[in-house]
Every structure is written in C-alpha cells, then in structure tokens.
Amino acid sequence: MKIIQSTLVLLYSVILSACGGGGDSGLGNSVPTTPLNITATNQQAVTAAVLNTTSGAAIDAFTVDDFLNALNGNACAGGSANLFPTSATAGTITFFGCSYQAGKSFNGTVKYSGLVTSPADNIFNPDTVTAKLNFDLTVTRTLNAPFALLGDYNFSTNGLNTLSITTSATAPSSLKVSSNITEAISNFSFQKTALSSSSTSIDNFFTLASSYLGGVVNFDTTTAFLTNDALNRAFPSTGVAIVTSTANLNQLRITILGDESSPVSSQVKIELSQNSGLTYNPPIYYAWADLFP
C-alpha cells in the first residue's frame, strides 16, 4: 500500500515545504495545544493534514527492515551506523548519514527496549518483531525536506515470512515531527496489513496537533482505507474517517471514493457537520491532486 509505505512519506515533506515557514521560525516554533475549530474555510487543509498523518508517514519513515538491518549490523549503502546493545533486548543505534536504501538516510539515535522476536532471540529472519522505539532522529529523503522525529512508540510486526504482514504502532506518549512545520501525534494507534503485493489496508486513530493547522484535531477510521498495490496505486480507493475537535460540535466526514485513476470528481468526498454528525452540509469533492499538489 503506497499510501503508508512510501508515497505519503514523501508527501509529508511536500506539505512541510509548501505550507510551513522557514527553519525554526514562524510555524515551526511550537506545537499548538488549542482545539481547532473545523470550518468550511479550513476543511481542505484539515483533510490534507489528517490524510497525510493517516498514512503513518513519519512512523513509516523508520521501518522494521531498517530496524533489523541495524540490529544485524548490516552495512549501510552510504554513511554508517553503530549498535550499542545494553542487554539482549535493549540498546542504542546511532546513525551517521546511514542509508539502507536509495533515497533515504538517517542521522541521530534510535533507542530500543523490550525487544521480542518470534522465533525467540532471532533477529536474522524473524516472523514477529516487537519493541519500544525512542527517537532523536533526522530522516532525509531525496528531493524532500529533512524532518526530525522526537519521541517514542511501541511497534509490532507480525507475519514477516508470510503473504500477510501486519504492522501496528501505538503511543505510550507522543511523537513530535519537525521540519518547516511542527506536528505532534499522540494517543495514536496505526495499523496496516499488507497482503503480498496485492493490497494494503490501514485502520488508525490519533490526536494531531499541527502548527500548519494551528490547532488540535482527533481522527478515527470508521472504514479501513484500502490501496491497490497490484496496480501500483499511490492513494487508497476506499475508506471512511471522522475528524473531530473538542472546540465545538463540528466534525468532518472524509469518504474515499477512488484512487488517482478514478475520475477527478470521484476521488475524495468531505462533509462538514455542525451538530456532531446528526446532519451534514452538502458534500465537497476533491481530487488527490488538490490535497497533495
């Protein structure tokens, strides 16, 4: 599913570059704490922000493959990485411009604890990997602005040697993502299931505080987002989610009608409610290109 595995990781940086300020000034200074009033004026921006976060873009920037490469001491294609284990289940990985795959490199540290694999003590070819990861890491991707991850989450990947791989990430606290804008993701659960190379589904909920939006919103998937990998689609073709805020009773319903191959008028539908979903305003339709130009 490209939306969570690669495409929106790149689009995240596109949004940062397009919508943020420069360096550490302007929007990049801090994460807002005030609930956002979701309105007809900002509904497109809200949709773009939560769909990008829905992809798990920041979380997917450091994959289970990256983790296993580091644990096994596999050589970086560029740069270097040092592993400092403190026990059989914990340690620190320090990256110095390390690139395990073309177009992506790491600088900084990832601390891990509570490492468990199945079969037990097998980091070479495990079926299951779980651990808590703590980040002070900068991720750089070709043609995109670097972004920094600060914080932690628990992750678990099951079925690594099967046709169905499920990865989940949950937040013990929060994960801060900084570039030209700053976001904090908290109270989150990201789950994706990849079925061989045919399709991937995601089912997430989270709280997003975004300097781009200027406030805090909550996101909950009500129908899993499904992307067709067999046809190499970048965006999902189905899925429904609700975006709410504690500012008032306003909420946004996002319905995915089709991927980028669908007619422009039948890709993403959003509906604004001002009474907690009892009734909705007439729908507004967007193409994926409108949300991620």
C-alpha atoms as a PDB file:
ATOM      1  CA  MET A   1       0.000   0.000   0.000  1.00  0.00           C
ATOM      2  CA  LYS A   2       1.869   3.002  -1.254  1.00  0.00           C
ATOM      3  CA  ILE A   3      -0.036   5.468   0.889  1.00  0.00           C
ATOM      4  CA  ILE A   4       1.636   4.156   4.008  1.00  0.00           C
ATOM      5  CA  GLN A   5       4.781   2.581   2.674  1.00  0.00           C
ATOM      6  CA  SER A   6       6.301   5.325   0.586  1.00  0.00           C
ATOM      7  CA  THR A   7       4.210   7.884  -1.211  1.00  0.00           C
ATOM      8  CA  LEU A   8       2.877   9.903   1.684  1.00  0.00           C
ATOM      9  CA  VAL A   9       6.180   9.734   3.462  1.00  0.00           C
ATOM     10  CA  LEU A  10       7.359  11.859   0.572  1.00  0.00           C
ATOM     11  CA  LEU A  11       4.194  13.920   0.505  1.00  0.00           C
ATOM     12  CA  TYR A  12       4.714  14.743   4.161  1.00  0.00           C
ATOM     13  CA  SER A  13       7.814  16.690   3.201  1.00  0.00           C
ATOM     14  CA  VAL A  14       5.951  18.302   0.322  1.00  0.00           C
ATOM     15  CA  ILE A  15       3.370  19.632   2.774  1.00  0.00           C
ATOM     16  CA  LEU A  16       6.103  20.828   5.094  1.00  0.00           C
ATOM     17  CA  SER A  17       7.791  22.725   2.304  1.00  0.00           C
ATOM     18  CA  ALA A  18       4.627  24.148   0.828  1.00  0.00           C
ATOM     19  CA  CYS A  19       2.808  25.181   3.973  1.00  0.00           C
ATOM     20  CA  GLY A  20       5.407  25.950   6.598  1.00  0.00           C
ATOM     21  CA  GLY A  21       7.736  28.798   7.369  1.00  0.00           C
ATOM     22  CA  GLY A  22      11.488  28.598   7.134  1.00  0.00           C
ATOM     23  CA  GLY A  23      13.936  26.990   9.522  1.00  0.00           C
ATOM     24  CA  ASP A  24      12.961  27.418  13.185  1.00  0.00           C
ATOM     25  CA  SER A  25      10.816  30.494  12.665  1.00  0.00           C
ATOM     26  CA  GLY A  26       7.135  31.025  12.030  1.00  0.00           C
ATOM     27  CA  LEU A  27       5.024  27.889  12.062  1.00  0.00           C
ATOM     28  CA  GLY A  28       7.930  25.692  13.035  1.00  0.00           C
ATOM     29  CA  ASN A  29       8.327  27.097  16.538  1.00  0.00           C
ATOM     30  CA  SER A  30       5.878  25.063  18.577  1.00  0.00           C
ATOM     31  CA  VAL A  31       3.016  22.627  18.611  1.00  0.00           C
ATOM     32  CA  PRO A  32      -0.400  24.184  19.346  1.00  0.00           C
ATOM     33  CA  THR A  33      -2.490  22.966  22.264  1.00  0.00           C
ATOM     34  CA  THR A  34      -5.782  24.710  21.452  1.00  0.00           C
ATOM     35  CA  PRO A  35      -8.577  22.628  19.880  1.00  0.00           C
ATOM     36  CA  LEU A  36      -9.139  23.599  16.253  1.00  0.00           C
ATOM     37  CA  ASN A  37     -12.492  24.929  15.079  1.00  0.00           C
ATOM     38  CA  ILE A  38     -13.208  22.845  11.958  1.00  0.00           C
ATOM     39  CA  THR A  39     -14.973  25.050   9.408  1.00  0.00           C
ATOM     40  CA  ALA A  40     -15.770  25.277   5.712  1.00  0.00           C
ATOM     41  CA  THR A  41     -12.782  27.596   5.408  1.00  0.00           C
ATOM     42  CA  ASN A  42     -10.177  25.166   6.713  1.00  0.00           C
ATOM     43  CA  GLN A  43     -11.763  21.823   5.817  1.00  0.00           C
ATOM     44  CA  GLN A  44      -9.459  21.217   2.833  1.00  0.00           C
ATOM     45  CA  ALA A  45      -6.351  21.896   4.940  1.00  0.00           C
ATOM     46  CA  VAL A  46      -7.660  19.640   7.712  1.00  0.00           C
ATOM     47  CA  THR A  47      -8.348  16.867   5.214  1.00  0.00           C
ATOM     48  CA  ALA A  48      -4.855  17.064   3.729  1.00  0.00           C
ATOM     49  CA  ALA A  49      -3.190  17.113   7.148  1.00  0.00           C
ATOM     50  CA  VAL A  50      -5.037  14.151   8.622  1.00  0.00           C
ATOM     51  CA  LEU A  51      -4.809  12.044   5.473  1.00  0.00           C
ATOM     52  CA  ASN A  52      -1.077  12.583   5.443  1.00  0.00           C
ATOM     53  CA  THR A  53      -0.852  11.582   9.103  1.00  0.00           C
ATOM     54  CA  THR A  54      -3.202   8.674   8.413  1.00  0.00           C
ATOM     55  CA  SER A  55      -0.527   7.295   6.134  1.00  0.00           C
ATOM     56  CA  GLY A  56       1.732   6.923   9.111  1.00  0.00           C
ATOM     57  CA  ALA A  57       4.220   8.867   7.058  1.00  0.00           C
ATOM     58  CA  ALA A  58       6.526   9.829   9.894  1.00  0.00           C
ATOM     59  CA  ILE A  59       6.205   6.455  11.576  1.00  0.00           C
ATOM     60  CA  ASP A  60       6.830   4.545   8.370  1.00  0.00           C
ATOM     61  CA  ALA A  61       9.992   6.528   7.722  1.00  0.00           C
ATOM     62  CA  PHE A  62      11.804   4.070  10.020  1.00  0.00           C
ATOM     63  CA  THR A  63      10.644   0.594   9.024  1.00  0.00           C
ATOM     64  CA  VAL A  64      11.045  -2.843  10.538  1.00  0.00           C
ATOM     65  CA  ASP A  65      13.559  -3.558   7.755  1.00  0.00           C
ATOM     66  CA  ASP A  66      15.628  -0.547   8.833  1.00  0.00           C
ATOM     67  CA  PHE A  67      15.477  -1.760  12.431  1.00  0.00           C
ATOM     68  CA  LEU A  68      16.541  -5.302  11.550  1.00  0.00           C
ATOM     69  CA  ASN A  69      19.334  -4.046   9.296  1.00  0.00           C
ATOM     70  CA  ALA A  70      20.732  -2.075  12.230  1.00  0.00           C
ATOM     71  CA  LEU A  71      20.323  -4.928  14.726  1.00  0.00           C
ATOM     72  CA  ASN A  72      22.138  -7.300  12.386  1.00  0.00           C
ATOM     73  CA  GLY A  73      24.966  -4.865  11.739  1.00  0.00           C
ATOM     74  CA  ASN A  74      24.269  -4.803   8.012  1.00  0.00           C
ATOM     75  CA  ALA A  75      26.429  -2.285   6.195  1.00  0.00           C
ATOM     76  CA  CYS A  76      24.845   0.994   5.151  1.00  0.00           C
ATOM     77  CA  ALA A  77      24.916   1.692   1.423  1.00  0.00           C
ATOM     78  CA  GLY A  78      26.137   5.139   2.419  1.00  0.00           C
ATOM     79  CA  GLY A  79      27.228   6.535   5.778  1.00  0.00           C
ATOM     80  CA  SER A  80      27.480   4.320   8.832  1.00  0.00           C
ATOM     81  CA  ALA A  81      25.623   3.038  11.885  1.00  0.00           C
ATOM     82  CA  ASN A  82      26.819   1.869  15.294  1.00  0.00           C
ATOM     83  CA  LEU A  83      24.942  -0.548  17.535  1.00  0.00           C
ATOM     84  CA  PHE A  84      25.429  -0.336  21.305  1.00  0.00           C
ATOM     85  CA  PRO A  85      23.424  -3.119  22.994  1.00  0.00           C
ATOM     86  CA  THR A  86      22.906  -2.812  26.744  1.00  0.00           C
ATOM     87  CA  SER A  87      21.210  -6.205  27.011  1.00  0.00           C
ATOM     88  CA  ALA A  88      19.704  -8.855  24.761  1.00  0.00           C
ATOM     89  CA  THR A  89      16.537  -6.769  24.492  1.00  0.00           C
ATOM     90  CA  ALA A  90      17.714  -3.153  24.640  1.00  0.00           C
ATOM     91  CA  GLY A  91      20.287  -0.808  23.213  1.00  0.00           C
ATOM     92  CA  THR A  92      21.032   2.302  21.167  1.00  0.00           C
ATOM     93  CA  ILE A  93      21.586   2.657  17.428  1.00  0.00           C
ATOM     94  CA  THR A  94      23.492   5.721  16.269  1.00  0.00           C
ATOM     95  CA  PHE A  95      23.248   6.714  12.607  1.00  0.00           C
ATOM     96  CA  PHE A  96      25.712   8.871  10.701  1.00  0.00           C
ATOM     97  CA  GLY A  97      24.122   9.561   7.324  1.00  0.00           C
ATOM     98  CA  CYS A  98      23.247   5.877   7.068  1.00  0.00           C
ATOM     99  CA  SER A  99      21.266   4.790   4.030  1.00  0.00           C
ATOM    100  CA  TYR A 100      19.964   1.223   3.785  1.00  0.00           C
ATOM    101  CA  GLN A 101      18.055   2.013   0.619  1.00  0.00           C
ATOM    102  CA  ALA A 102      18.485   4.565  -2.116  1.00  0.00           C
ATOM    103  CA  GLY A 103      16.908   7.932  -1.419  1.00  0.00           C
ATOM    104  CA  LYS A 104      16.595   7.716   2.381  1.00  0.00           C
ATOM    105  CA  SER A 105      19.189   8.336   5.092  1.00  0.00           C
ATOM    106  CA  PHE A 106      19.270   8.655   8.890  1.00  0.00           C
ATOM    107  CA  ASN A 107      21.182  10.860  11.302  1.00  0.00           C
ATOM    108  CA  GLY A 108      20.778  10.590  15.062  1.00  0.00           C
ATOM    109  CA  THR A 109      19.788   7.891  17.505  1.00  0.00           C
ATOM    110  CA  VAL A 110      17.121   5.250  17.962  1.00  0.00           C
ATOM    111  CA  LYS A 111      16.931   3.613  21.380  1.00  0.00           C
ATOM    112  CA  TYR A 112      15.076   0.333  21.677  1.00  0.00           C
ATOM    113  CA  SER A 113      13.847  -1.690  24.624  1.00  0.00           C
ATOM    114  CA  GLY A 114      11.608  -4.662  25.268  1.00  0.00           C
ATOM    115  CA  LEU A 115      12.766  -6.357  22.060  1.00  0.00           C
ATOM    116  CA  VAL A 116      10.963  -9.643  21.465  1.00  0.00           C
ATOM    117  CA  THR A 117      11.105 -11.809  18.360  1.00  0.00           C
ATOM    118  CA  SER A 118       9.453 -14.995  17.246  1.00  0.00           C
ATOM    119  CA  PRO A 119      11.168 -17.417  16.981  1.00  0.00           C
ATOM    120  CA  ALA A 120      12.798 -16.284  20.224  1.00  0.00           C
ATOM    121  CA  ASP A 121      16.115 -14.439  20.005  1.00  0.00           C
ATOM    122  CA  ASN A 122      16.024 -14.488  16.210  1.00  0.00           C
ATOM    123  CA  ILE A 123      16.880 -11.126  14.650  1.00  0.00           C
ATOM    124  CA  PHE A 124      18.090 -12.661  11.400  1.00  0.00           C
ATOM    125  CA  ASN A 125      14.827 -13.936   9.937  1.00  0.00           C
ATOM    126  CA  PRO A 126      12.023 -13.403  12.467  1.00  0.00           C
ATOM    127  CA  ASP A 127       8.331 -13.931  11.889  1.00  0.00           C
ATOM    128  CA  THR A 128       7.414 -11.351  14.533  1.00  0.00           C
ATOM    129  CA  VAL A 129       9.227  -8.330  15.974  1.00  0.00           C
ATOM    130  CA  THR A 130       8.023  -6.124  18.827  1.00  0.00           C
ATOM    131  CA  ALA A 131       9.844  -3.346  20.679  1.00  0.00           C
ATOM    132  CA  LYS A 132       9.571   0.150  22.081  1.00  0.00           C
ATOM    133  CA  LEU A 133      11.470   2.686  19.980  1.00  0.00           C
ATOM    134  CA  ASN A 134      12.634   6.102  21.167  1.00  0.00           C
ATOM    135  CA  PHE A 135      13.715   8.592  18.506  1.00  0.00           C
ATOM    136  CA  ASP A 136      16.030  11.539  18.262  1.00  0.00           C
ATOM    137  CA  LEU A 137      16.398  11.070  14.532  1.00  0.00           C
ATOM    138  CA  THR A 138      16.532  13.135  11.360  1.00  0.00           C
ATOM    139  CA  VAL A 139      15.250  11.482   8.187  1.00  0.00           C
ATOM    140  CA  THR A 140      16.338  12.791   4.794  1.00  0.00           C
ATOM    141  CA  ARG A 141      14.707  11.727   1.543  1.00  0.00           C
ATOM    142  CA  THR A 142      15.796  12.656  -1.948  1.00  0.00           C
ATOM    143  CA  LEU A 143      14.060  15.791  -3.285  1.00  0.00           C
ATOM    144  CA  ASN A 144      12.257  16.374   0.034  1.00  0.00           C
ATOM    145  CA  ALA A 145      12.915  18.456   3.122  1.00  0.00           C
ATOM    146  CA  PRO A 146      14.523  16.560   6.025  1.00  0.00           C
ATOM    147  CA  PHE A 147      12.343  16.065   9.082  1.00  0.00           C
ATOM    148  CA  ALA A 148      13.132  15.193  12.673  1.00  0.00           C
ATOM    149  CA  LEU A 149      11.410  12.593  14.846  1.00  0.00           C
ATOM    150  CA  LEU A 150      11.461  13.096  18.613  1.00  0.00           C
ATOM    151  CA  GLY A 151       9.578  10.797  20.950  1.00  0.00           C
ATOM    152  CA  ASP A 152       8.628   7.153  21.119  1.00  0.00           C
ATOM    153  CA  TYR A 153       6.113   4.479  20.275  1.00  0.00           C
ATOM    154  CA  ASN A 154       5.575   0.752  20.657  1.00  0.00           C
ATOM    155  CA  PHE A 155       5.563  -1.229  17.461  1.00  0.00           C
ATOM    156  CA  SER A 156       4.820  -4.786  16.433  1.00  0.00           C
ATOM    157  CA  THR A 157       5.178  -6.504  13.073  1.00  0.00           C
ATOM    158  CA  ASN A 158       3.700  -9.959  12.504  1.00  0.00           C
ATOM    159  CA  GLY A 159       3.805 -12.350   9.558  1.00  0.00           C
ATOM    160  CA  LEU A 160       7.139 -11.234   8.113  1.00  0.00           C
ATOM    161  CA  ASN A 161       7.594 -14.549   6.295  1.00  0.00           C
ATOM    162  CA  THR A 162       4.004 -14.834   5.109  1.00  0.00           C
ATOM    163  CA  LEU A 163       1.806 -13.238   2.471  1.00  0.00           C
ATOM    164  CA  SER A 164       0.018 -11.123   5.095  1.00  0.00           C
ATOM    165  CA  ILE A 165       2.161  -8.717   7.128  1.00  0.00           C
ATOM    166  CA  THR A 166       0.527  -6.637   9.855  1.00  0.00           C
ATOM    167  CA  THR A 167       2.342  -3.747  11.492  1.00  0.00           C
ATOM    168  CA  SER A 168       0.967  -1.699  14.369  1.00  0.00           C
ATOM    169  CA  ALA A 169       2.329   1.286  16.267  1.00  0.00           C
ATOM    170  CA  THR A 170       0.841   2.692  19.454  1.00  0.00           C
ATOM    171  CA  ALA A 171       1.828   5.698  21.522  1.00  0.00           C
ATOM    172  CA  PRO A 172       2.940   5.467  25.130  1.00  0.00           C
ATOM    173  CA  SER A 173       3.336   9.245  24.980  1.00  0.00           C
ATOM    174  CA  SER A 174       3.726  11.309  21.811  1.00  0.00           C
ATOM    175  CA  LEU A 175       5.830  11.633  18.697  1.00  0.00           C
ATOM    176  CA  LYS A 176       6.947  15.078  17.562  1.00  0.00           C
ATOM    177  CA  VAL A 177       7.705  15.674  13.902  1.00  0.00           C
ATOM    178  CA  SER A 178       9.555  18.843  12.939  1.00  0.00           C
ATOM    179  CA  SER A 179      10.629  20.417   9.675  1.00  0.00           C
ATOM    180  CA  ASN A 180       9.248  23.661   8.286  1.00  0.00           C
ATOM    181  CA  ILE A 181       6.196  22.942  10.440  1.00  0.00           C
ATOM    182  CA  THR A 182       5.867  21.043  13.683  1.00  0.00           C
ATOM    183  CA  GLU A 183       3.361  18.313  14.476  1.00  0.00           C
ATOM    184  CA  ALA A 184       2.791  16.095  17.473  1.00  0.00           C
ATOM    185  CA  ILE A 185       0.915  12.816  17.185  1.00  0.00           C
ATOM    186  CA  SER A 186      -0.453  11.381  20.422  1.00  0.00           C
ATOM    187  CA  ASN A 187      -2.973   8.827  21.671  1.00  0.00           C
ATOM    188  CA  PHE A 188      -2.415   7.000  18.437  1.00  0.00           C
ATOM    189  CA  SER A 189      -2.815   3.539  17.030  1.00  0.00           C
ATOM    190  CA  PHE A 190      -1.658   2.909  13.478  1.00  0.00           C
ATOM    191  CA  GLN A 191      -2.312  -0.483  11.956  1.00  0.00           C
ATOM    192  CA  LYS A 192      -1.561  -1.632   8.429  1.00  0.00           C
ATOM    193  CA  THR A 193      -1.939  -5.015   6.799  1.00  0.00           C
ATOM    194  CA  ALA A 194      -0.111  -5.778   3.561  1.00  0.00           C
ATOM    195  CA  LEU A 195      -1.418  -8.727   1.565  1.00  0.00           C
ATOM    196  CA  SER A 196       1.562  -9.848  -0.505  1.00  0.00           C
ATOM    197  CA  SER A 197       1.840  -7.229  -3.260  1.00  0.00           C
ATOM    198  CA  SER A 198      -1.881  -7.014  -3.969  1.00  0.00           C
ATOM    199  CA  SER A 199      -3.283  -4.536  -1.449  1.00  0.00           C
ATOM    200  CA  THR A 200      -2.768  -2.856   1.901  1.00  0.00           C
ATOM    201  CA  SER A 201      -5.304  -1.612   4.420  1.00  0.00           C
ATOM    202  CA  ILE A 202      -4.868   0.872   7.241  1.00  0.00           C
ATOM    203  CA  ASP A 203      -7.027   1.453  10.302  1.00  0.00           C
ATOM    204  CA  ASN A 204      -5.893   4.316  12.526  1.00  0.00           C
ATOM    205  CA  PHE A 205      -6.875   6.751  15.224  1.00  0.00           C
ATOM    206  CA  PHE A 206      -4.822   9.609  16.629  1.00  0.00           C
ATOM    207  CA  THR A 207      -4.747  13.125  18.022  1.00  0.00           C
ATOM    208  CA  LEU A 208      -2.905  15.576  15.784  1.00  0.00           C
ATOM    209  CA  ALA A 209      -1.522  18.915  16.972  1.00  0.00           C
ATOM    210  CA  SER A 210      -0.258  20.823  13.953  1.00  0.00           C
ATOM    211  CA  SER A 211       1.342  24.227  13.568  1.00  0.00           C
ATOM    212  CA  TYR A 212       0.186  24.071   9.941  1.00  0.00           C
ATOM    213  CA  LEU A 213      -3.437  23.859  11.089  1.00  0.00           C
ATOM    214  CA  GLY A 214      -2.925  25.999  14.179  1.00  0.00           C
ATOM    215  CA  GLY A 215      -4.775  23.634  16.475  1.00  0.00           C
ATOM    216  CA  VAL A 216      -5.594  20.111  17.609  1.00  0.00           C
ATOM    217  CA  VAL A 217      -7.956  17.587  15.981  1.00  0.00           C
ATOM    218  CA  ASN A 218      -8.876  13.950  16.544  1.00  0.00           C
ATOM    219  CA  PHE A 219      -9.034  11.364  13.761  1.00  0.00           C
ATOM    220  CA  ASP A 220     -10.767   7.990  13.737  1.00  0.00           C
ATOM    221  CA  THR A 221     -11.030   5.499  10.883  1.00  0.00           C
ATOM    222  CA  THR A 222     -14.524   4.042  10.649  1.00  0.00           C
ATOM    223  CA  THR A 223     -13.923   2.028   7.463  1.00  0.00           C
ATOM    224  CA  ALA A 224     -10.382   0.854   6.729  1.00  0.00           C
ATOM    225  CA  PHE A 225      -8.522   2.581   3.901  1.00  0.00           C
ATOM    226  CA  LEU A 226      -7.616   0.155   1.106  1.00  0.00           C
ATOM    227  CA  THR A 227      -4.998   0.720  -1.592  1.00  0.00           C
ATOM    228  CA  ASN A 228      -4.444  -1.460  -4.671  1.00  0.00           C
ATOM    229  CA  ASP A 229      -0.755  -2.368  -4.713  1.00  0.00           C
ATOM    230  CA  ALA A 230      -1.121  -4.744  -7.644  1.00  0.00           C
ATOM    231  CA  LEU A 231      -1.857  -1.741  -9.865  1.00  0.00           C
ATOM    232  CA  ASN A 232       0.802   0.352  -8.100  1.00  0.00           C
ATOM    233  CA  ARG A 233      -1.698   2.928  -6.875  1.00  0.00           C
ATOM    234  CA  ALA A 234      -0.374   5.774  -4.743  1.00  0.00           C
ATOM    235  CA  PHE A 235      -3.672   6.517  -2.973  1.00  0.00           C
ATOM    236  CA  PRO A 236      -6.474   4.425  -1.481  1.00  0.00           C
ATOM    237  CA  SER A 237      -9.687   3.641  -3.307  1.00  0.00           C
ATOM    238  CA  THR A 238     -11.979   3.143  -0.305  1.00  0.00           C
ATOM    239  CA  GLY A 239     -12.183   4.235   3.309  1.00  0.00           C
ATOM    240  CA  VAL A 240     -14.114   6.481   5.693  1.00  0.00           C
ATOM    241  CA  ALA A 241     -12.889   8.565   8.628  1.00  0.00           C
ATOM    242  CA  ILE A 242     -14.242  11.150  11.056  1.00  0.00           C
ATOM    243  CA  VAL A 243     -12.300  14.222  12.200  1.00  0.00           C
ATOM    244  CA  THR A 244     -13.481  15.921  15.391  1.00  0.00           C
ATOM    245  CA  SER A 245     -12.389  18.644  17.771  1.00  0.00           C
ATOM    246  CA  THR A 246     -13.245  19.444  21.366  1.00  0.00           C
ATOM    247  CA  ALA A 247     -13.635  23.101  20.350  1.00  0.00           C
ATOM    248  CA  ASN A 248     -17.302  22.546  19.455  1.00  0.00           C
ATOM    249  CA  LEU A 249     -19.684  20.069  17.841  1.00  0.00           C
ATOM    250  CA  ASN A 250     -18.215  20.480  14.356  1.00  0.00           C
ATOM    251  CA  GLN A 251     -16.807  17.416  12.653  1.00  0.00           C
ATOM    252  CA  LEU A 252     -15.646  16.358   9.214  1.00  0.00           C
ATOM    253  CA  ARG A 253     -16.503  13.104   7.473  1.00  0.00           C
ATOM    254  CA  ILE A 254     -13.962  12.020   4.855  1.00  0.00           C
ATOM    255  CA  THR A 255     -15.006   9.368   2.347  1.00  0.00           C
ATOM    256  CA  ILE A 256     -12.515   7.919  -0.116  1.00  0.00           C
ATOM    257  CA  LEU A 257     -14.339   7.253  -3.375  1.00  0.00           C
ATOM    258  CA  GLY A 258     -11.425   6.298  -5.614  1.00  0.00           C
ATOM    259  CA  ASP A 259      -7.683   6.379  -6.141  1.00  0.00           C
ATOM    260  CA  GLU A 260      -5.804   8.660  -8.533  1.00  0.00           C
ATOM    261  CA  SER A 261      -7.009   6.641 -11.545  1.00  0.00           C
ATOM    262  CA  SER A 262     -10.657   7.465 -10.796  1.00  0.00           C
ATOM    263  CA  PRO A 263     -12.445  10.446 -12.351  1.00  0.00           C
ATOM    264  CA  VAL A 264     -11.293  13.663 -10.692  1.00  0.00           C
ATOM    265  CA  SER A 265     -14.781  14.306  -9.333  1.00  0.00           C
ATOM    266  CA  SER A 266     -14.892  10.878  -7.676  1.00  0.00           C
ATOM    267  CA  GLN A 267     -11.786  10.641  -5.518  1.00  0.00           C
ATOM    268  CA  VAL A 268     -12.295  12.247  -2.085  1.00  0.00           C
ATOM    269  CA  LYS A 269     -15.576  13.486  -0.585  1.00  0.00           C
ATOM    270  CA  ILE A 270     -15.723  15.595   2.562  1.00  0.00           C
ATOM    271  CA  GLU A 271     -18.802  16.646   4.531  1.00  0.00           C
ATOM    272  CA  LEU A 272     -18.939  19.142   7.382  1.00  0.00           C
ATOM    273  CA  SER A 273     -21.318  18.684  10.298  1.00  0.00           C
ATOM    274  CA  GLN A 274     -22.056  21.297  12.947  1.00  0.00           C
ATOM    275  CA  ASN A 275     -24.030  19.001  15.248  1.00  0.00           C
ATOM    276  CA  SER A 276     -21.752  16.017  15.942  1.00  0.00           C
ATOM    277  CA  GLY A 277     -22.751  14.181  12.803  1.00  0.00           C
ATOM    278  CA  LEU A 278     -26.530  14.336  13.128  1.00  0.00           C
ATOM    279  CA  THR A 279     -26.675  16.131   9.784  1.00  0.00           C
ATOM    280  CA  TYR A 280     -24.051  17.135   7.237  1.00  0.00           C
ATOM    281  CA  ASN A 281     -23.648  20.027   4.830  1.00  0.00           C
ATOM    282  CA  PRO A 282     -23.685  19.287   1.086  1.00  0.00           C
ATOM    283  CA  PRO A 283     -20.513  17.374   0.167  1.00  0.00           C
ATOM    284  CA  ILE A 284     -17.384  18.895  -1.320  1.00  0.00           C
ATOM    285  CA  TYR A 285     -15.296  16.795  -3.719  1.00  0.00           C
ATOM    286  CA  TYR A 286     -11.540  16.906  -4.132  1.00  0.00           C
ATOM    287  CA  ALA A 287      -9.064  15.174  -6.372  1.00  0.00           C
ATOM    288  CA  TRP A 288      -5.974  13.749  -4.709  1.00  0.00           C
ATOM    289  CA  ALA A 289      -4.016  16.346  -6.661  1.00  0.00           C
ATOM    290  CA  ASP A 290      -5.973  19.084  -4.857  1.00  0.00           C
ATOM    291  CA  LEU A 291      -4.953  17.720  -1.471  1.00  0.00           C
ATOM    292  CA  PHE A 292      -1.378  16.800  -2.365  1.00  0.00           C
ATOM    293  CA  PRO A 293      -0.333  19.054  -5.280  1.00  0.00           C
END
